[in-house]
Every structure is written in C-alpha cells, then in structure tokens.
Amino acid sequence: MMTIVTVVTLQEGNEPEWDAAMRDRLEAAKGQPGWLGGQLLMPLDRLDQRAVIGTWETRAHWEAWHDDPAFAQTRDRLEGLQSQPPETRWFEVLADVQP
C-alpha cells in the first residue's frame, strides 16, 4: 500500500473554488482500481495551503488514474488556482490502524 502526500499553495481568494474542484477529483477517484481512500486537509496556520493525502494499493494504480479523463478534466482547473507548483512525497504504508 502506498500513500502520496501533495501540498499546494493557493492563490489568494481561490481557495473555495480549488476546494470544490479537489472534492470533485476525490469523488471521481472512488471508482478507480486500486483507490483505497483520501483526505483533503487545510493547515490551521496556513489557510492558503492544502494537503491532499491519497492511499492506493500500488503506485501503478495512481499512475493509471492520471491517464483517466476525469483526472485530466480537473488538472488544468486546479493548477490555474495554485500560486506555485505542488510539493509531492510518496510513502510506503507500514501500518494502517483503523477502528
């Protein structure tokens, strides 16, 4: 299992539109092979930033999702609302504890 963490900084005033587009993307990801779940986070000390956490069975599943039309549909919309390129890091999940 792999988790990708992406941190983005948004252009001032575009936060609500970016959030809506990312919610659409996360909703579309639900039907993708290998998708296990995700979160959209906002740090309390940086209201212009967002962190997107996505967990996939494999990195190959995530890469296949990037070729899906639903992903491409939101890519330009999201990137146009960001003030700089996103920072992305991959993590191998060593433990997943849930109720």
Protein backbone atom coordinates (compact mmCIF):
# COMPACT_ATOMS: atom_id res chain seq x y z
CA MET A 1 0.00 0.00 0.00
CA MET A 2 1.30 3.46 -0.94
CA THR A 3 0.31 6.95 0.22
CA ILE A 4 1.04 10.13 -1.67
CA VAL A 5 1.05 13.48 0.13
CA THR A 6 0.74 16.59 -2.02
CA VAL A 7 0.99 20.09 -0.53
CA VAL A 8 -0.21 23.03 -2.60
CA THR A 9 -0.23 26.79 -2.05
CA LEU A 10 -3.26 28.56 -3.49
CA GLN A 11 -3.72 31.98 -4.98
CA GLU A 12 -5.47 34.29 -2.53
CA GLY A 13 -9.24 34.20 -2.95
CA ASN A 14 -9.26 30.97 -4.99
CA GLU A 15 -9.44 28.62 -2.01
CA PRO A 16 -13.18 27.81 -2.26
CA GLU A 17 -13.00 27.07 -6.00
CA TRP A 18 -9.89 24.89 -5.59
CA ASP A 19 -11.50 23.00 -2.70
CA ALA A 20 -14.61 22.29 -4.78
CA ALA A 21 -12.53 21.04 -7.72
CA MET A 22 -10.45 18.79 -5.46
CA ARG A 23 -13.59 17.37 -3.85
CA ASP A 24 -14.82 16.54 -7.38
CA ARG A 25 -11.50 14.82 -8.11
CA LEU A 26 -11.59 12.79 -4.89
CA GLU A 27 -15.17 11.76 -5.63
CA ALA A 28 -14.14 10.61 -9.13
CA ALA A 29 -11.21 8.65 -7.67
CA LYS A 30 -13.61 6.44 -5.71
CA GLY A 31 -14.28 4.32 -8.78
CA GLN A 32 -10.65 3.85 -9.73
CA PRO A 33 -8.95 0.46 -9.46
CA GLY A 34 -6.53 0.45 -6.52
CA TRP A 35 -8.04 3.50 -4.78
CA LEU A 36 -8.21 2.99 -1.02
CA GLY A 37 -9.07 6.47 0.23
CA GLY A 38 -8.05 10.08 0.58
CA GLN A 39 -8.24 13.24 2.61
CA LEU A 40 -8.21 16.95 1.86
CA LEU A 41 -6.56 18.91 4.68
CA MET A 42 -6.05 22.60 5.49
CA PRO A 43 -3.36 23.62 8.00
CA LEU A 44 -4.67 25.99 10.65
CA ASP A 45 -1.59 28.20 10.37
CA ARG A 46 -1.63 28.49 6.52
CA LEU A 47 -5.19 28.95 5.24
CA ASP A 48 -3.79 29.35 1.71
CA GLN A 49 -2.35 25.82 1.71
CA ARG A 50 -3.89 22.39 1.27
CA ALA A 51 -2.57 18.89 1.73
CA VAL A 52 -4.05 16.04 -0.27
CA ILE A 53 -3.49 12.54 1.08
CA GLY A 54 -4.22 9.66 -1.27
CA THR A 55 -3.77 5.99 -0.49
CA TRP A 56 -3.53 3.42 -3.27
CA GLU A 57 -2.81 -0.28 -3.47
CA THR A 58 0.19 0.49 -5.70
CA ARG A 59 1.86 3.47 -7.29
CA ALA A 60 0.96 1.96 -10.69
CA HIS A 61 -2.74 2.35 -9.81
CA TRP A 62 -2.15 6.05 -9.07
CA GLU A 63 -0.27 6.48 -12.35
CA ALA A 64 -3.12 4.86 -14.28
CA TRP A 65 -5.55 7.30 -12.64
CA HIS A 66 -3.56 10.17 -14.13
CA ASP A 67 -4.47 8.89 -17.61
CA ASP A 68 -8.19 8.90 -16.78
CA PRO A 69 -10.29 11.68 -18.40
CA ALA A 70 -11.84 12.54 -15.01
CA PHE A 71 -8.39 13.33 -13.64
CA ALA A 72 -7.34 15.36 -16.68
CA GLN A 73 -10.59 17.32 -16.52
CA THR A 74 -9.67 18.82 -13.16
CA ARG A 75 -5.90 19.14 -13.69
CA ASP A 76 -5.91 22.46 -15.56
CA ARG A 77 -8.65 23.88 -13.33
CA LEU A 78 -6.68 23.11 -10.16
CA GLU A 79 -3.27 24.18 -11.46
CA GLY A 80 -4.69 27.55 -12.55
CA LEU A 81 -5.73 28.29 -8.97
CA GLN A 82 -2.36 27.49 -7.38
CA SER A 83 0.35 30.07 -6.75
CA GLN A 84 3.26 27.64 -7.21
CA PRO A 85 3.92 24.04 -8.22
CA PRO A 86 2.82 21.42 -5.67
CA GLU A 87 5.23 19.50 -3.44
CA THR A 88 4.71 15.73 -3.59
CA ARG A 89 6.12 12.89 -1.49
CA TRP A 90 5.46 9.16 -1.60
CA PHE A 91 5.27 6.94 1.49
CA GLU A 92 5.07 3.19 1.81
CA VAL A 93 2.41 2.37 4.41
CA LEU A 94 3.99 0.30 7.17
CA ALA A 95 0.91 0.21 9.40
CA ASP A 96 -2.73 1.16 8.80
CA VAL A 97 -4.73 1.22 12.04
CA GLN A 98 -8.45 1.90 11.85
CA PRO A 99 -11.39 1.19 14.14
